[in-house]
Amino acid sequence: MISREIVVSRLPKFMQTLDDLIYRELEKIAKRRGITIQELIRAVIVPEWINGLNGASNKLNDWR
């Protein structure tokens, strides 16, 4: 069995900086949902961004 510490230490990491206005807006959204900003970014924003990219690339392929 692999411990959580081993798995987490091997995950790729990145750092993101946010403008104060954007941070405050994300903070409001997260608070309304009862989650942290980090959870909002991981569970909502990144998946929506990825889906948006997939949709955009499919639209680009349609034009080719």
C-alpha atoms as a PDB file:
ATOM      1  CA  MET A   1       0.000   0.000   0.000  1.00  0.00           C
ATOM      2  CA  ILE A   2       1.325   3.460  -0.930  1.00  0.00           C
ATOM      3  CA  SER A   3       1.075   6.170   1.698  1.00  0.00           C
ATOM      4  CA  ARG A   4      -0.623   9.461   0.904  1.00  0.00           C
ATOM      5  CA  GLU A   5       2.618  11.351   1.647  1.00  0.00           C
ATOM      6  CA  ILE A   6       4.460   9.471  -1.093  1.00  0.00           C
ATOM      7  CA  VAL A   7       1.702  10.064  -3.647  1.00  0.00           C
ATOM      8  CA  VAL A   8       1.322  13.767  -2.795  1.00  0.00           C
ATOM      9  CA  SER A   9       5.069  14.406  -2.895  1.00  0.00           C
ATOM     10  CA  ARG A  10       5.208  13.053  -6.471  1.00  0.00           C
ATOM     11  CA  LEU A  11       2.392  15.186  -7.871  1.00  0.00           C
ATOM     12  CA  PRO A  12       3.435  18.082 -10.101  1.00  0.00           C
ATOM     13  CA  LYS A  13       3.069  21.455  -8.460  1.00  0.00           C
ATOM     14  CA  PHE A  14       2.676  24.984  -9.738  1.00  0.00           C
ATOM     15  CA  MET A  15       2.339  28.428  -8.236  1.00  0.00           C
ATOM     16  CA  GLN A  16      -0.179  31.016  -9.382  1.00  0.00           C
ATOM     17  CA  THR A  17      -0.335  34.685  -8.499  1.00  0.00           C
ATOM     18  CA  LEU A  18      -3.627  36.542  -8.679  1.00  0.00           C
ATOM     19  CA  ASP A  19      -4.514  40.193  -8.934  1.00  0.00           C
ATOM     20  CA  ASP A  20      -6.102  41.489  -5.706  1.00  0.00           C
ATOM     21  CA  LEU A  21      -9.466  42.078  -7.399  1.00  0.00           C
ATOM     22  CA  ILE A  22      -9.541  38.581  -8.857  1.00  0.00           C
ATOM     23  CA  TYR A  23      -8.501  37.057  -5.528  1.00  0.00           C
ATOM     24  CA  ARG A  24     -11.296  38.883  -3.701  1.00  0.00           C
ATOM     25  CA  GLU A  25     -13.846  37.761  -6.294  1.00  0.00           C
ATOM     26  CA  LEU A  26     -12.709  34.138  -6.011  1.00  0.00           C
ATOM     27  CA  GLU A  27     -12.808  34.483  -2.242  1.00  0.00           C
ATOM     28  CA  LYS A  28     -16.461  35.604  -2.384  1.00  0.00           C
ATOM     29  CA  ILE A  29     -17.410  32.747  -4.710  1.00  0.00           C
ATOM     30  CA  ALA A  30     -15.623  30.176  -2.552  1.00  0.00           C
ATOM     31  CA  LYS A  31     -17.201  31.531   0.628  1.00  0.00           C
ATOM     32  CA  ARG A  32     -20.683  31.296  -0.911  1.00  0.00           C
ATOM     33  CA  ARG A  33     -20.004  27.653  -1.787  1.00  0.00           C
ATOM     34  CA  GLY A  34     -18.538  26.905   1.641  1.00  0.00           C
ATOM     35  CA  ILE A  35     -15.138  25.892   0.249  1.00  0.00           C
ATOM     36  CA  THR A  36     -11.618  27.321   0.165  1.00  0.00           C
ATOM     37  CA  ILE A  37     -10.204  29.245  -2.777  1.00  0.00           C
ATOM     38  CA  GLN A  38      -7.826  26.361  -3.447  1.00  0.00           C
ATOM     39  CA  GLU A  39     -10.741  23.914  -3.585  1.00  0.00           C
ATOM     40  CA  LEU A  40     -12.613  26.272  -5.922  1.00  0.00           C
ATOM     41  CA  ILE A  41      -9.643  26.465  -8.264  1.00  0.00           C
ATOM     42  CA  ARG A  42      -9.062  22.694  -8.222  1.00  0.00           C
ATOM     43  CA  ALA A  43     -12.664  21.510  -8.412  1.00  0.00           C
ATOM     44  CA  VAL A  44     -14.350  24.207 -10.513  1.00  0.00           C
ATOM     45  CA  ILE A  45     -12.054  26.596 -12.328  1.00  0.00           C
ATOM     46  CA  VAL A  46      -9.423  24.201 -13.697  1.00  0.00           C
ATOM     47  CA  PRO A  47     -11.949  21.603 -14.935  1.00  0.00           C
ATOM     48  CA  GLU A  48     -14.041  24.334 -16.605  1.00  0.00           C
ATOM     49  CA  TRP A  49     -10.908  25.800 -18.183  1.00  0.00           C
ATOM     50  CA  ILE A  50      -9.886  22.386 -19.506  1.00  0.00           C
ATOM     51  CA  ASN A  51     -13.370  21.755 -20.890  1.00  0.00           C
ATOM     52  CA  GLY A  52     -13.283  25.202 -22.484  1.00  0.00           C
ATOM     53  CA  LEU A  53      -9.956  24.420 -24.118  1.00  0.00           C
ATOM     54  CA  ASN A  54     -11.275  21.124 -25.433  1.00  0.00           C
ATOM     55  CA  GLY A  55     -14.296  22.884 -26.854  1.00  0.00           C
ATOM     56  CA  ALA A  56     -12.115  25.593 -28.386  1.00  0.00           C
ATOM     57  CA  SER A  57      -9.742  23.085 -29.969  1.00  0.00           C
ATOM     58  CA  ASN A  58     -12.677  21.139 -31.390  1.00  0.00           C
ATOM     59  CA  LYS A  59     -14.064  24.345 -32.896  1.00  0.00           C
ATOM     60  CA  LEU A  60     -10.663  25.141 -34.379  1.00  0.00           C
ATOM     61  CA  ASN A  61     -10.482  21.650 -35.869  1.00  0.00           C
ATOM     62  CA  ASP A  62     -13.935  22.184 -37.417  1.00  0.00           C
ATOM     63  CA  TRP A  63     -12.570  25.195 -39.283  1.00  0.00           C
ATOM     64  CA  ARG A  64      -9.616  23.265 -40.732  1.00  0.00           C
END
